[in-house]
Amino acid sequence: MAQSAQDISVIICTYTENRWNEFIAAVRSVQQQTLPPGEIIVVVDHNQDLLKRVQENVPGVVVVGNIEAHGLSGARNSGIAVAKGQIVTFLDDDALASPDWLMMLNEAFSDSKVLGAGGPVIPLWLDNEPSWLPEEFHWVVGCTYLGLPQTIKIIRNGIVHSGTATVASLCFSLPATGQCAPSRTS
């Protein structure tokens, strides 16, 4: 468990201005946490116009450009490189964190054997939920699906989508050395 909220870094990676409103909502949902993070890091993935827009319009965040390979893994690694927290969390730029998201993720670390934790990813449908899509198939859209454990459990694999882990809600503890193996970028 983090000793204080200052020990938690939240990383939000973004790449396109087409999701600006969703991105702003994601940042605000983190800024309104019951356990506020020590820092919010926004990583912009090789988009200079968006980088400038975030720097000029989003106060209270650390803004960095992706200095690694293009894509989400490179952007996450760029965020990890500047993170100061003992616990690093990721939130997708089109996701909303519930007000107690960080508090709940932080509680998982009260067990010293826990190195990572995640939370449910609930779809926010633009209209009504499609009646033809049963909850067992929500994994297709990268969300929590019927059949996943409802209590804390060790899991072998997270939700996989398009060959990469879908981690709209994920956190992990950096080892005591402060070093972390980067995500694969290929």
C-alpha atoms as a PDB file:
ATOM      1  CA  MET A   1       0.000   0.000   0.000  1.00  0.00           C
ATOM      2  CA  ALA A   2       1.249   3.457  -0.769  1.00  0.00           C
ATOM      3  CA  GLN A   3       2.344   5.312   2.348  1.00  0.00           C
ATOM      4  CA  SER A   4       0.490   8.402   1.115  1.00  0.00           C
ATOM      5  CA  ALA A   5      -1.293   9.694  -1.933  1.00  0.00           C
ATOM      6  CA  GLN A   6       2.067  11.225  -2.939  1.00  0.00           C
ATOM      7  CA  ASP A   7       3.285   7.675  -3.634  1.00  0.00           C
ATOM      8  CA  ILE A   8       0.793   7.181  -6.487  1.00  0.00           C
ATOM      9  CA  SER A   9       1.474   8.265 -10.070  1.00  0.00           C
ATOM     10  CA  VAL A  10      -1.345   8.142 -12.631  1.00  0.00           C
ATOM     11  CA  ILE A  11      -0.337   7.937 -16.288  1.00  0.00           C
ATOM     12  CA  ILE A  12      -2.797   8.831 -19.038  1.00  0.00           C
ATOM     13  CA  CYS A  13      -1.541   8.295 -22.589  1.00  0.00           C
ATOM     14  CA  THR A  14      -3.198  10.095 -25.473  1.00  0.00           C
ATOM     15  CA  TYR A  15      -2.526  10.417 -29.176  1.00  0.00           C
ATOM     16  CA  THR A  16      -5.333  12.227 -30.994  1.00  0.00           C
ATOM     17  CA  GLU A  17      -7.292  15.441 -30.659  1.00  0.00           C
ATOM     18  CA  ASN A  18     -10.350  13.541 -31.900  1.00  0.00           C
ATOM     19  CA  ARG A  19     -10.852  12.289 -28.319  1.00  0.00           C
ATOM     20  CA  TRP A  20     -10.204  15.620 -26.594  1.00  0.00           C
ATOM     21  CA  ASN A  21     -13.494  15.703 -24.657  1.00  0.00           C
ATOM     22  CA  GLU A  22     -13.057  12.107 -23.467  1.00  0.00           C
ATOM     23  CA  PHE A  23      -9.439  12.838 -22.512  1.00  0.00           C
ATOM     24  CA  ILE A  24     -10.440  15.913 -20.474  1.00  0.00           C
ATOM     25  CA  ALA A  25     -13.118  13.866 -18.701  1.00  0.00           C
ATOM     26  CA  ALA A  26     -10.521  11.176 -17.891  1.00  0.00           C
ATOM     27  CA  VAL A  27      -8.154  13.758 -16.386  1.00  0.00           C
ATOM     28  CA  ARG A  28     -10.961  15.336 -14.341  1.00  0.00           C
ATOM     29  CA  SER A  29     -12.037  11.930 -13.026  1.00  0.00           C
ATOM     30  CA  VAL A  30      -8.498  11.440 -11.673  1.00  0.00           C
ATOM     31  CA  GLN A  31      -8.343  14.963 -10.248  1.00  0.00           C
ATOM     32  CA  GLN A  32     -11.552  14.245  -8.291  1.00  0.00           C
ATOM     33  CA  GLN A  33     -10.389  11.046  -6.570  1.00  0.00           C
ATOM     34  CA  THR A  34     -11.164  10.467  -2.882  1.00  0.00           C
ATOM     35  CA  LEU A  35      -7.467   9.494  -2.621  1.00  0.00           C
ATOM     36  CA  PRO A  36      -5.812  12.039  -4.903  1.00  0.00           C
ATOM     37  CA  PRO A  37      -2.625  10.939  -6.665  1.00  0.00           C
ATOM     38  CA  GLY A  38       0.771  12.495  -6.076  1.00  0.00           C
ATOM     39  CA  GLU A  39       0.952  13.285  -9.768  1.00  0.00           C
ATOM     40  CA  ILE A  40      -0.945  12.910 -13.005  1.00  0.00           C
ATOM     41  CA  ILE A  41       1.321  12.344 -15.977  1.00  0.00           C
ATOM     42  CA  VAL A  42      -0.054  12.872 -19.478  1.00  0.00           C
ATOM     43  CA  VAL A  43       2.008  11.282 -22.225  1.00  0.00           C
ATOM     44  CA  VAL A  44       1.278  12.491 -25.751  1.00  0.00           C
ATOM     45  CA  ASP A  45       2.192   9.938 -28.404  1.00  0.00           C
ATOM     46  CA  HIS A  46       4.123  11.710 -31.195  1.00  0.00           C
ATOM     47  CA  ASN A  47       1.596  14.487 -31.830  1.00  0.00           C
ATOM     48  CA  GLN A  48       3.185  17.943 -31.399  1.00  0.00           C
ATOM     49  CA  ASP A  49      -0.083  19.865 -31.874  1.00  0.00           C
ATOM     50  CA  LEU A  50      -1.786  17.817 -29.158  1.00  0.00           C
ATOM     51  CA  LEU A  51       1.262  18.116 -26.875  1.00  0.00           C
ATOM     52  CA  LYS A  52       1.083  21.912 -27.133  1.00  0.00           C
ATOM     53  CA  ARG A  53      -2.696  21.912 -26.590  1.00  0.00           C
ATOM     54  CA  VAL A  54      -2.402  19.813 -23.434  1.00  0.00           C
ATOM     55  CA  GLN A  55       0.445  21.967 -22.090  1.00  0.00           C
ATOM     56  CA  GLU A  56      -1.614  25.132 -22.648  1.00  0.00           C
ATOM     57  CA  ASN A  57      -5.030  23.885 -21.516  1.00  0.00           C
ATOM     58  CA  VAL A  58      -4.698  21.202 -18.842  1.00  0.00           C
ATOM     59  CA  PRO A  59      -3.439  22.554 -15.510  1.00  0.00           C
ATOM     60  CA  GLY A  60      -2.247  20.374 -12.666  1.00  0.00           C
ATOM     61  CA  VAL A  61      -0.645  17.644 -14.775  1.00  0.00           C
ATOM     62  CA  VAL A  62       2.884  16.751 -15.857  1.00  0.00           C
ATOM     63  CA  VAL A  63       2.930  16.703 -19.668  1.00  0.00           C
ATOM     64  CA  VAL A  64       5.563  14.778 -21.599  1.00  0.00           C
ATOM     65  CA  GLY A  65       5.963  13.585 -25.144  1.00  0.00           C
ATOM     66  CA  ASN A  66       6.510   9.938 -25.950  1.00  0.00           C
ATOM     67  CA  ILE A  67      10.280   9.560 -26.415  1.00  0.00           C
ATOM     68  CA  GLU A  68      10.060   5.873 -27.262  1.00  0.00           C
ATOM     69  CA  ALA A  69       8.537   3.894 -30.113  1.00  0.00           C
ATOM     70  CA  HIS A  70       5.211   5.117 -31.480  1.00  0.00           C
ATOM     71  CA  GLY A  71       2.269   3.466 -29.734  1.00  0.00           C
ATOM     72  CA  LEU A  72       0.833   2.730 -26.324  1.00  0.00           C
ATOM     73  CA  SER A  73       3.726   0.643 -24.976  1.00  0.00           C
ATOM     74  CA  GLY A  74       6.256   3.336 -25.833  1.00  0.00           C
ATOM     75  CA  ALA A  75       4.021   6.014 -24.332  1.00  0.00           C
ATOM     76  CA  ARG A  76       3.559   4.033 -21.111  1.00  0.00           C
ATOM     77  CA  ASN A  77       7.312   3.499 -20.865  1.00  0.00           C
ATOM     78  CA  SER A  78       7.839   7.255 -21.312  1.00  0.00           C
ATOM     79  CA  GLY A  79       5.401   7.879 -18.459  1.00  0.00           C
ATOM     80  CA  ILE A  80       7.066   5.320 -16.203  1.00  0.00           C
ATOM     81  CA  ALA A  81      10.424   6.995 -16.854  1.00  0.00           C
ATOM     82  CA  VAL A  82       9.250  10.249 -15.223  1.00  0.00           C
ATOM     83  CA  ALA A  83       6.924   8.769 -12.570  1.00  0.00           C
ATOM     84  CA  LYS A  84       7.874   9.501  -8.961  1.00  0.00           C
ATOM     85  CA  GLY A  85       5.325   7.259  -7.238  1.00  0.00           C
ATOM     86  CA  GLN A  86       5.901   3.820  -5.750  1.00  0.00           C
ATOM     87  CA  ILE A  87       2.624   2.768  -7.322  1.00  0.00           C
ATOM     88  CA  VAL A  88       2.085   3.526 -11.003  1.00  0.00           C
ATOM     89  CA  THR A  89      -1.407   3.440 -12.424  1.00  0.00           C
ATOM     90  CA  PHE A  90      -2.664   3.693 -15.988  1.00  0.00           C
ATOM     91  CA  LEU A  91      -5.998   5.049 -17.157  1.00  0.00           C
ATOM     92  CA  ASP A  92      -7.001   5.080 -20.809  1.00  0.00           C
ATOM     93  CA  ASP A  93      -7.689   8.507 -22.290  1.00  0.00           C
ATOM     94  CA  ASP A  94     -11.287   7.550 -23.056  1.00  0.00           C
ATOM     95  CA  ALA A  95     -12.039   5.980 -19.656  1.00  0.00           C
ATOM     96  CA  LEU A  96     -13.537   7.479 -16.513  1.00  0.00           C
ATOM     97  CA  ALA A  97     -12.260   6.530 -13.065  1.00  0.00           C
ATOM     98  CA  SER A  98     -14.875   6.104 -10.363  1.00  0.00           C
ATOM     99  CA  PRO A  99     -14.245   8.476  -7.421  1.00  0.00           C
ATOM    100  CA  ASP A 100     -12.779   5.689  -5.241  1.00  0.00           C
ATOM    101  CA  TRP A 101     -10.679   4.078  -8.027  1.00  0.00           C
ATOM    102  CA  LEU A 102      -7.271   4.921  -6.554  1.00  0.00           C
ATOM    103  CA  MET A 103      -8.348   4.110  -3.011  1.00  0.00           C
ATOM    104  CA  MET A 104      -9.528   0.660  -4.092  1.00  0.00           C
ATOM    105  CA  LEU A 105      -6.407  -0.062  -6.167  1.00  0.00           C
ATOM    106  CA  ASN A 106      -4.185   1.158  -3.335  1.00  0.00           C
ATOM    107  CA  GLU A 107      -5.857  -1.203  -0.849  1.00  0.00           C
ATOM    108  CA  ALA A 108      -4.702  -4.180  -2.920  1.00  0.00           C
ATOM    109  CA  PHE A 109      -1.109  -3.309  -1.978  1.00  0.00           C
ATOM    110  CA  SER A 110      -1.722  -3.861   1.743  1.00  0.00           C
ATOM    111  CA  ASP A 111      -0.519  -7.405   0.947  1.00  0.00           C
ATOM    112  CA  SER A 112       3.236  -7.156   0.302  1.00  0.00           C
ATOM    113  CA  LYS A 113       3.041 -10.056  -2.172  1.00  0.00           C
ATOM    114  CA  VAL A 114       0.844  -8.024  -4.521  1.00  0.00           C
ATOM    115  CA  LEU A 115       2.810  -6.395  -7.335  1.00  0.00           C
ATOM    116  CA  GLY A 116      -0.092  -5.409  -9.587  1.00  0.00           C
ATOM    117  CA  ALA A 117      -3.822  -4.893  -9.484  1.00  0.00           C
ATOM    118  CA  GLY A 118      -6.623  -3.939 -11.809  1.00  0.00           C
ATOM    119  CA  GLY A 119     -10.225  -2.994 -11.622  1.00  0.00           C
ATOM    120  CA  PRO A 120     -13.375  -3.525 -13.591  1.00  0.00           C
ATOM    121  CA  VAL A 121     -13.761  -1.810 -16.946  1.00  0.00           C
ATOM    122  CA  ILE A 122     -17.431  -1.052 -17.449  1.00  0.00           C
ATOM    123  CA  PRO A 123     -18.593  -0.020 -20.930  1.00  0.00           C
ATOM    124  CA  LEU A 124     -20.155   3.410 -21.275  1.00  0.00           C
ATOM    125  CA  TRP A 125     -22.366   2.901 -24.310  1.00  0.00           C
ATOM    126  CA  LEU A 126     -23.042   5.916 -26.522  1.00  0.00           C
ATOM    127  CA  ASP A 127     -26.654   4.819 -26.770  1.00  0.00           C
ATOM    128  CA  ASN A 128     -28.320   1.800 -25.194  1.00  0.00           C
ATOM    129  CA  GLU A 129     -26.332  -1.368 -24.616  1.00  0.00           C
ATOM    130  CA  PRO A 130     -26.689  -3.558 -27.709  1.00  0.00           C
ATOM    131  CA  SER A 131     -29.302  -6.222 -26.945  1.00  0.00           C
ATOM    132  CA  TRP A 132     -27.477  -8.692 -29.182  1.00  0.00           C
ATOM    133  CA  LEU A 133     -24.213  -8.463 -27.172  1.00  0.00           C
ATOM    134  CA  PRO A 134     -24.374 -10.608 -24.028  1.00  0.00           C
ATOM    135  CA  GLU A 135     -22.248  -9.557 -21.053  1.00  0.00           C
ATOM    136  CA  GLU A 136     -20.130 -12.712 -21.524  1.00  0.00           C
ATOM    137  CA  PHE A 137     -18.769 -11.109 -24.705  1.00  0.00           C
ATOM    138  CA  HIS A 138     -17.850  -7.672 -23.301  1.00  0.00           C
ATOM    139  CA  TRP A 139     -14.214  -8.792 -23.616  1.00  0.00           C
ATOM    140  CA  VAL A 140     -14.628  -8.156 -27.358  1.00  0.00           C
ATOM    141  CA  VAL A 141     -14.790  -4.419 -26.619  1.00  0.00           C
ATOM    142  CA  GLY A 142     -12.037  -4.586 -23.979  1.00  0.00           C
ATOM    143  CA  CYS A 143     -14.313  -4.530 -20.949  1.00  0.00           C
ATOM    144  CA  THR A 144     -15.020  -6.636 -17.894  1.00  0.00           C
ATOM    145  CA  TYR A 145     -17.192  -9.580 -18.836  1.00  0.00           C
ATOM    146  CA  LEU A 146     -19.483 -12.031 -17.094  1.00  0.00           C
ATOM    147  CA  GLY A 147     -17.388 -14.917 -15.840  1.00  0.00           C
ATOM    148  CA  LEU A 148     -14.472 -12.961 -14.397  1.00  0.00           C
ATOM    149  CA  PRO A 149     -13.853 -13.396 -10.650  1.00  0.00           C
ATOM    150  CA  GLN A 150     -15.989 -11.144  -8.472  1.00  0.00           C
ATOM    151  CA  THR A 151     -13.489 -11.186  -5.603  1.00  0.00           C
ATOM    152  CA  ILE A 152      -9.743 -10.648  -5.380  1.00  0.00           C
ATOM    153  CA  LYS A 153      -8.067 -13.511  -7.232  1.00  0.00           C
ATOM    154  CA  ILE A 154      -4.771 -14.353  -8.834  1.00  0.00           C
ATOM    155  CA  ILE A 155      -5.288 -14.314 -12.593  1.00  0.00           C
ATOM    156  CA  ARG A 156      -3.048 -15.776 -15.254  1.00  0.00           C
ATOM    157  CA  ASN A 157      -3.866 -13.356 -18.075  1.00  0.00           C
ATOM    158  CA  GLY A 158      -5.615 -10.031 -18.259  1.00  0.00           C
ATOM    159  CA  ILE A 159      -8.097  -9.117 -20.938  1.00  0.00           C
ATOM    160  CA  VAL A 160      -6.388  -9.335 -24.317  1.00  0.00           C
ATOM    161  CA  HIS A 161      -7.492  -7.235 -27.269  1.00  0.00           C
ATOM    162  CA  SER A 162      -5.754  -6.967 -30.643  1.00  0.00           C
ATOM    163  CA  GLY A 163      -2.677  -8.738 -29.328  1.00  0.00           C
ATOM    164  CA  THR A 164      -1.985  -6.210 -26.551  1.00  0.00           C
ATOM    165  CA  ALA A 165      -3.257  -6.082 -23.012  1.00  0.00           C
ATOM    166  CA  THR A 166      -6.262  -3.857 -22.534  1.00  0.00           C
ATOM    167  CA  VAL A 167      -5.523  -2.036 -19.313  1.00  0.00           C
ATOM    168  CA  ALA A 168      -7.996   0.772 -18.961  1.00  0.00           C
ATOM    169  CA  SER A 169      -7.596   0.264 -15.201  1.00  0.00           C
ATOM    170  CA  LEU A 170      -4.246  -1.140 -14.097  1.00  0.00           C
ATOM    171  CA  CYS A 171      -1.614  -0.374 -11.510  1.00  0.00           C
ATOM    172  CA  PHE A 172       1.596  -1.892 -10.280  1.00  0.00           C
ATOM    173  CA  SER A 173       4.189  -1.356  -7.610  1.00  0.00           C
ATOM    174  CA  LEU A 174       7.672  -0.404  -8.703  1.00  0.00           C
ATOM    175  CA  PRO A 175      10.314  -2.630  -7.099  1.00  0.00           C
ATOM    176  CA  ALA A 176      12.287  -1.167  -4.201  1.00  0.00           C
ATOM    177  CA  THR A 177      15.116  -0.237  -6.566  1.00  0.00           C
ATOM    178  CA  GLY A 178      12.762   2.093  -8.441  1.00  0.00           C
ATOM    179  CA  GLN A 179      13.504   0.227 -11.641  1.00  0.00           C
ATOM    180  CA  CYS A 180      10.952  -1.451 -13.853  1.00  0.00           C
ATOM    181  CA  ALA A 181      11.227  -3.577 -16.937  1.00  0.00           C
ATOM    182  CA  PRO A 182       9.675  -1.608 -19.793  1.00  0.00           C
ATOM    183  CA  SER A 183       6.738  -2.852 -21.812  1.00  0.00           C
ATOM    184  CA  ARG A 184       7.526  -4.525 -25.075  1.00  0.00           C
ATOM    185  CA  THR A 185       7.136  -2.102 -27.945  1.00  0.00           C
ATOM    186  CA  SER A 186       7.168  -4.644 -30.751  1.00  0.00           C
END
